[in-house]
Amino acid sequence: MNKEHVKNINISAAVITVSTTRTPDTDTSGKAIREILAAAHIPTQHYVIVTDRIDAIRAEVNLALKEANCIILNGGTGLTHDDCTIEAVAPLLEKKIDGFGELFRMKSYAEIGTSTMLSRALAGVIEGKAIFCIPGSTPAVTLATKELIVPEILHILSHAGK
């Protein structure tokens, strides 16, 4: 990363778990994301579990945008009939970060093989803030947060805010 392209930005996060079955006690993926962020000194300002409904997801994204500049949604990115995170978020994006999904699938392939093609991981920018949609499994959120989001979030926000 070219240091001259990176600004000194305070990063704050929002974690949104999309699920109809998880609770704060059973949301191991949301917990893993928050722990990885905390270890990187990125505070989580907003955390919620929201049901798999486009209107509910969009409402939480809009709330999160008021509190954080790094928003991570986990869950609802697959192909089942109720997976709608991508449908909720994609139309809101001002710019997409196509490389995020590509890199996520490339790194996932080493762990889970060809079933990684079912992942619709997505990232982009809204109002100069970064938003990531990742699968809800704990290994997937760990991979995405630790290996992709944390190392690049300052770089992303430096460019997104221009």
C-alpha atoms as a PDB file:
ATOM      1  CA  MET A   1       0.000   0.000   0.000  1.00  0.00           C
ATOM      2  CA  ASN A   2       1.294   3.431  -0.950  1.00  0.00           C
ATOM      3  CA  LYS A   3       1.377   5.416   2.306  1.00  0.00           C
ATOM      4  CA  GLU A   4       0.874   8.752   0.528  1.00  0.00           C
ATOM      5  CA  HIS A   5      -2.627   7.596  -0.473  1.00  0.00           C
ATOM      6  CA  VAL A   6      -3.643   6.809   3.103  1.00  0.00           C
ATOM      7  CA  LYS A   7      -5.174   9.440   5.333  1.00  0.00           C
ATOM      8  CA  ASN A   8      -5.304   9.449   9.113  1.00  0.00           C
ATOM      9  CA  ILE A   9      -8.947   8.437   9.572  1.00  0.00           C
ATOM     10  CA  ASN A  10     -10.705   7.265  12.709  1.00  0.00           C
ATOM     11  CA  ILE A  11     -12.372   4.002  11.804  1.00  0.00           C
ATOM     12  CA  SER A  12     -15.575   2.942  13.512  1.00  0.00           C
ATOM     13  CA  ALA A  13     -17.515  -0.170  12.642  1.00  0.00           C
ATOM     14  CA  ALA A  14     -21.033  -1.471  12.467  1.00  0.00           C
ATOM     15  CA  VAL A  15     -21.739  -5.207  12.435  1.00  0.00           C
ATOM     16  CA  ILE A  16     -25.082  -6.378  11.108  1.00  0.00           C
ATOM     17  CA  THR A  17     -25.900 -10.087  11.279  1.00  0.00           C
ATOM     18  CA  VAL A  18     -28.653 -11.098   8.877  1.00  0.00           C
ATOM     19  CA  SER A  19     -30.470 -14.149  10.243  1.00  0.00           C
ATOM     20  CA  THR A  20     -33.884 -15.365  11.258  1.00  0.00           C
ATOM     21  CA  THR A  21     -32.461 -17.857  13.761  1.00  0.00           C
ATOM     22  CA  ARG A  22     -29.455 -16.287  15.515  1.00  0.00           C
ATOM     23  CA  THR A  23     -29.601 -14.504  18.832  1.00  0.00           C
ATOM     24  CA  PRO A  24     -26.887 -12.448  20.554  1.00  0.00           C
ATOM     25  CA  ASP A  25     -25.901 -15.644  22.405  1.00  0.00           C
ATOM     26  CA  THR A  26     -25.684 -17.817  19.271  1.00  0.00           C
ATOM     27  CA  ASP A  27     -24.245 -15.240  16.860  1.00  0.00           C
ATOM     28  CA  THR A  28     -20.700 -16.607  16.785  1.00  0.00           C
ATOM     29  CA  SER A  29     -19.993 -14.898  13.459  1.00  0.00           C
ATOM     30  CA  GLY A  30     -21.006 -11.442  14.667  1.00  0.00           C
ATOM     31  CA  LYS A  31     -18.912 -12.021  17.774  1.00  0.00           C
ATOM     32  CA  ALA A  32     -15.894 -13.115  15.700  1.00  0.00           C
ATOM     33  CA  ILE A  33     -16.102  -9.985  13.539  1.00  0.00           C
ATOM     34  CA  ARG A  34     -16.300  -7.710  16.597  1.00  0.00           C
ATOM     35  CA  GLU A  35     -13.355  -9.494  18.258  1.00  0.00           C
ATOM     36  CA  ILE A  36     -11.162  -9.210  15.129  1.00  0.00           C
ATOM     37  CA  LEU A  37     -12.045  -5.526  14.803  1.00  0.00           C
ATOM     38  CA  ALA A  38     -11.312  -4.916  18.487  1.00  0.00           C
ATOM     39  CA  ALA A  39      -7.911  -6.609  18.147  1.00  0.00           C
ATOM     40  CA  ALA A  40      -7.205  -4.153  15.297  1.00  0.00           C
ATOM     41  CA  HIS A  41      -8.302  -1.230  17.533  1.00  0.00           C
ATOM     42  CA  ILE A  42     -11.447  -0.615  15.494  1.00  0.00           C
ATOM     43  CA  PRO A  43     -14.404   0.038  17.795  1.00  0.00           C
ATOM     44  CA  THR A  44     -17.824  -1.374  16.970  1.00  0.00           C
ATOM     45  CA  GLN A  45     -20.373   1.417  17.385  1.00  0.00           C
ATOM     46  CA  HIS A  46     -23.408  -0.487  16.155  1.00  0.00           C
ATOM     47  CA  TYR A  47     -24.297  -4.185  16.397  1.00  0.00           C
ATOM     48  CA  VAL A  48     -27.612  -5.779  15.563  1.00  0.00           C
ATOM     49  CA  ILE A  49     -29.207  -8.981  14.318  1.00  0.00           C
ATOM     50  CA  VAL A  50     -31.792  -8.337  11.625  1.00  0.00           C
ATOM     51  CA  THR A  51     -34.171 -10.683   9.846  1.00  0.00           C
ATOM     52  CA  ASP A  52     -33.802 -11.683   6.180  1.00  0.00           C
ATOM     53  CA  ARG A  53     -36.005  -8.936   4.731  1.00  0.00           C
ATOM     54  CA  ILE A  54     -34.869  -6.269   2.284  1.00  0.00           C
ATOM     55  CA  ASP A  55     -36.645  -3.440   4.122  1.00  0.00           C
ATOM     56  CA  ALA A  56     -35.229  -4.486   7.506  1.00  0.00           C
ATOM     57  CA  ILE A  57     -31.685  -4.809   6.145  1.00  0.00           C
ATOM     58  CA  ARG A  58     -31.842  -1.411   4.428  1.00  0.00           C
ATOM     59  CA  ALA A  59     -33.189   0.240   7.578  1.00  0.00           C
ATOM     60  CA  GLU A  60     -30.247  -1.110   9.600  1.00  0.00           C
ATOM     61  CA  VAL A  61     -27.721  -0.082   6.944  1.00  0.00           C
ATOM     62  CA  ASN A  62     -29.128   3.459   7.053  1.00  0.00           C
ATOM     63  CA  LEU A  63     -28.828   3.529  10.856  1.00  0.00           C
ATOM     64  CA  ALA A  64     -25.288   2.128  10.690  1.00  0.00           C
ATOM     65  CA  LEU A  65     -24.222   4.773   8.155  1.00  0.00           C
ATOM     66  CA  LYS A  66     -24.982   7.422  10.798  1.00  0.00           C
ATOM     67  CA  GLU A  67     -22.660   5.768  13.334  1.00  0.00           C
ATOM     68  CA  ALA A  68     -19.848   4.060  11.432  1.00  0.00           C
ATOM     69  CA  ASN A  69     -17.643   4.275   8.343  1.00  0.00           C
ATOM     70  CA  CYS A  70     -16.987   0.516   8.067  1.00  0.00           C
ATOM     71  CA  ILE A  71     -20.174  -1.526   7.887  1.00  0.00           C
ATOM     72  CA  ILE A  72     -19.986  -5.309   7.783  1.00  0.00           C
ATOM     73  CA  LEU A  73     -23.073  -7.393   7.092  1.00  0.00           C
ATOM     74  CA  ASN A  74     -22.792 -11.136   7.535  1.00  0.00           C
ATOM     75  CA  GLY A  75     -25.330 -13.681   6.415  1.00  0.00           C
ATOM     76  CA  GLY A  76     -28.004 -13.706   3.747  1.00  0.00           C
ATOM     77  CA  THR A  77     -25.532 -13.784   0.851  1.00  0.00           C
ATOM     78  CA  GLY A  78     -26.249 -17.289  -0.414  1.00  0.00           C
ATOM     79  CA  LEU A  79     -28.693 -18.694  -2.929  1.00  0.00           C
ATOM     80  CA  THR A  80     -31.603 -19.859  -0.765  1.00  0.00           C
ATOM     81  CA  HIS A  81     -35.033 -18.316  -1.242  1.00  0.00           C
ATOM     82  CA  ASP A  82     -34.685 -16.058   1.810  1.00  0.00           C
ATOM     83  CA  ASP A  83     -31.110 -14.827   1.176  1.00  0.00           C
ATOM     84  CA  CYS A  84     -31.579 -11.163   0.266  1.00  0.00           C
ATOM     85  CA  THR A  85     -28.630  -9.207   1.719  1.00  0.00           C
ATOM     86  CA  ILE A  86     -27.138  -8.564  -1.722  1.00  0.00           C
ATOM     87  CA  GLU A  87     -30.513  -7.508  -3.130  1.00  0.00           C
ATOM     88  CA  ALA A  88     -30.946  -5.104  -0.195  1.00  0.00           C
ATOM     89  CA  VAL A  89     -27.484  -3.529  -0.324  1.00  0.00           C
ATOM     90  CA  ALA A  90     -26.347  -3.571  -3.972  1.00  0.00           C
ATOM     91  CA  PRO A  91     -28.807  -0.873  -5.157  1.00  0.00           C
ATOM     92  CA  LEU A  92     -27.578   1.445  -2.368  1.00  0.00           C
ATOM     93  CA  LEU A  93     -23.920   1.287  -3.439  1.00  0.00           C
ATOM     94  CA  GLU A  94     -22.520   4.359  -5.154  1.00  0.00           C
ATOM     95  CA  LYS A  95     -19.442   2.374  -6.231  1.00  0.00           C
ATOM     96  CA  LYS A  96     -18.705  -1.341  -6.060  1.00  0.00           C
ATOM     97  CA  ILE A  97     -15.387  -2.811  -4.963  1.00  0.00           C
ATOM     98  CA  ASP A  98     -15.442  -5.806  -7.312  1.00  0.00           C
ATOM     99  CA  GLY A  99     -12.015  -7.012  -6.204  1.00  0.00           C
ATOM    100  CA  PHE A 100     -13.332  -7.725  -2.710  1.00  0.00           C
ATOM    101  CA  GLY A 101     -15.680 -10.482  -3.848  1.00  0.00           C
ATOM    102  CA  GLU A 102     -13.095 -11.817  -6.258  1.00  0.00           C
ATOM    103  CA  LEU A 103     -10.391 -12.006  -3.577  1.00  0.00           C
ATOM    104  CA  PHE A 104     -12.793 -13.458  -1.015  1.00  0.00           C
ATOM    105  CA  ARG A 105     -13.759 -16.266  -3.384  1.00  0.00           C
ATOM    106  CA  MET A 106     -10.127 -16.865  -4.353  1.00  0.00           C
ATOM    107  CA  LYS A 107      -9.059 -17.176  -0.709  1.00  0.00           C
ATOM    108  CA  SER A 108     -12.146 -19.253   0.157  1.00  0.00           C
ATOM    109  CA  TYR A 109     -11.402 -21.723  -2.615  1.00  0.00           C
ATOM    110  CA  ALA A 110      -8.352 -22.957  -0.680  1.00  0.00           C
ATOM    111  CA  GLU A 111     -10.608 -23.729   2.307  1.00  0.00           C
ATOM    112  CA  ILE A 112     -13.873 -24.960   0.781  1.00  0.00           C
ATOM    113  CA  GLY A 113     -13.171 -25.730  -2.869  1.00  0.00           C
ATOM    114  CA  THR A 114     -15.576 -25.129  -5.713  1.00  0.00           C
ATOM    115  CA  SER A 115     -18.560 -24.441  -3.458  1.00  0.00           C
ATOM    116  CA  THR A 116     -17.030 -20.977  -3.038  1.00  0.00           C
ATOM    117  CA  MET A 117     -18.771 -20.060  -6.308  1.00  0.00           C
ATOM    118  CA  LEU A 118     -22.035 -19.934  -4.332  1.00  0.00           C
ATOM    119  CA  SER A 119     -20.723 -16.947  -2.352  1.00  0.00           C
ATOM    120  CA  ARG A 120     -22.082 -13.591  -3.420  1.00  0.00           C
ATOM    121  CA  ALA A 121     -19.685 -11.586  -1.237  1.00  0.00           C
ATOM    122  CA  LEU A 122     -19.905  -7.910  -2.143  1.00  0.00           C
ATOM    123  CA  ALA A 123     -18.355  -4.611  -1.118  1.00  0.00           C
ATOM    124  CA  GLY A 124     -18.750  -1.002  -2.066  1.00  0.00           C
ATOM    125  CA  VAL A 125     -19.026   2.581  -0.969  1.00  0.00           C
ATOM    126  CA  ILE A 126     -21.977   4.613   0.273  1.00  0.00           C
ATOM    127  CA  GLU A 127     -21.470   8.281   1.221  1.00  0.00           C
ATOM    128  CA  GLY A 128     -17.701   7.789   1.466  1.00  0.00           C
ATOM    129  CA  LYS A 129     -18.145   4.834   3.828  1.00  0.00           C
ATOM    130  CA  ALA A 130     -17.210   1.212   3.163  1.00  0.00           C
ATOM    131  CA  ILE A 131     -19.781  -1.541   3.266  1.00  0.00           C
ATOM    132  CA  PHE A 132     -19.071  -5.269   3.094  1.00  0.00           C
ATOM    133  CA  CYS A 133     -21.532  -8.147   2.654  1.00  0.00           C
ATOM    134  CA  ILE A 134     -20.038 -11.508   3.566  1.00  0.00           C
ATOM    135  CA  PRO A 135     -21.323 -15.026   4.167  1.00  0.00           C
ATOM    136  CA  GLY A 136     -22.445 -15.748   7.715  1.00  0.00           C
ATOM    137  CA  SER A 137     -20.317 -18.765   8.590  1.00  0.00           C
ATOM    138  CA  THR A 138     -17.695 -18.137  11.265  1.00  0.00           C
ATOM    139  CA  PRO A 139     -14.792 -19.308   9.049  1.00  0.00           C
ATOM    140  CA  ALA A 140     -16.004 -17.010   6.244  1.00  0.00           C
ATOM    141  CA  VAL A 141     -16.313 -13.922   8.452  1.00  0.00           C
ATOM    142  CA  THR A 142     -12.936 -14.640  10.011  1.00  0.00           C
ATOM    143  CA  LEU A 143     -11.291 -14.894   6.599  1.00  0.00           C
ATOM    144  CA  ALA A 144     -12.973 -11.775   5.223  1.00  0.00           C
ATOM    145  CA  THR A 145     -12.469  -9.595   8.278  1.00  0.00           C
ATOM    146  CA  LYS A 146      -8.941 -10.657   9.210  1.00  0.00           C
ATOM    147  CA  GLU A 147      -7.405 -11.075   5.753  1.00  0.00           C
ATOM    148  CA  LEU A 148      -9.259  -8.530   3.607  1.00  0.00           C
ATOM    149  CA  ILE A 149     -11.209  -5.895   5.521  1.00  0.00           C
ATOM    150  CA  VAL A 150      -8.846  -5.022   8.380  1.00  0.00           C
ATOM    151  CA  PRO A 151      -5.694  -4.811   6.219  1.00  0.00           C
ATOM    152  CA  GLU A 152      -7.341  -2.529   3.625  1.00  0.00           C
ATOM    153  CA  ILE A 153     -10.030  -0.527   5.442  1.00  0.00           C
ATOM    154  CA  LEU A 154      -7.898   2.590   5.976  1.00  0.00           C
ATOM    155  CA  HIS A 155      -6.814   2.522   2.329  1.00  0.00           C
ATOM    156  CA  ILE A 156     -10.415   2.058   1.172  1.00  0.00           C
ATOM    157  CA  LEU A 157     -11.741   4.887   3.338  1.00  0.00           C
ATOM    158  CA  SER A 158      -8.917   7.186   2.234  1.00  0.00           C
ATOM    159  CA  HIS A 159     -10.002   6.789  -1.389  1.00  0.00           C
ATOM    160  CA  ALA A 160     -13.743   6.620  -0.734  1.00  0.00           C
ATOM    161  CA  GLY A 161     -13.742   9.930   1.113  1.00  0.00           C
ATOM    162  CA  LYS A 162     -12.147  11.870  -1.750  1.00  0.00           C
END
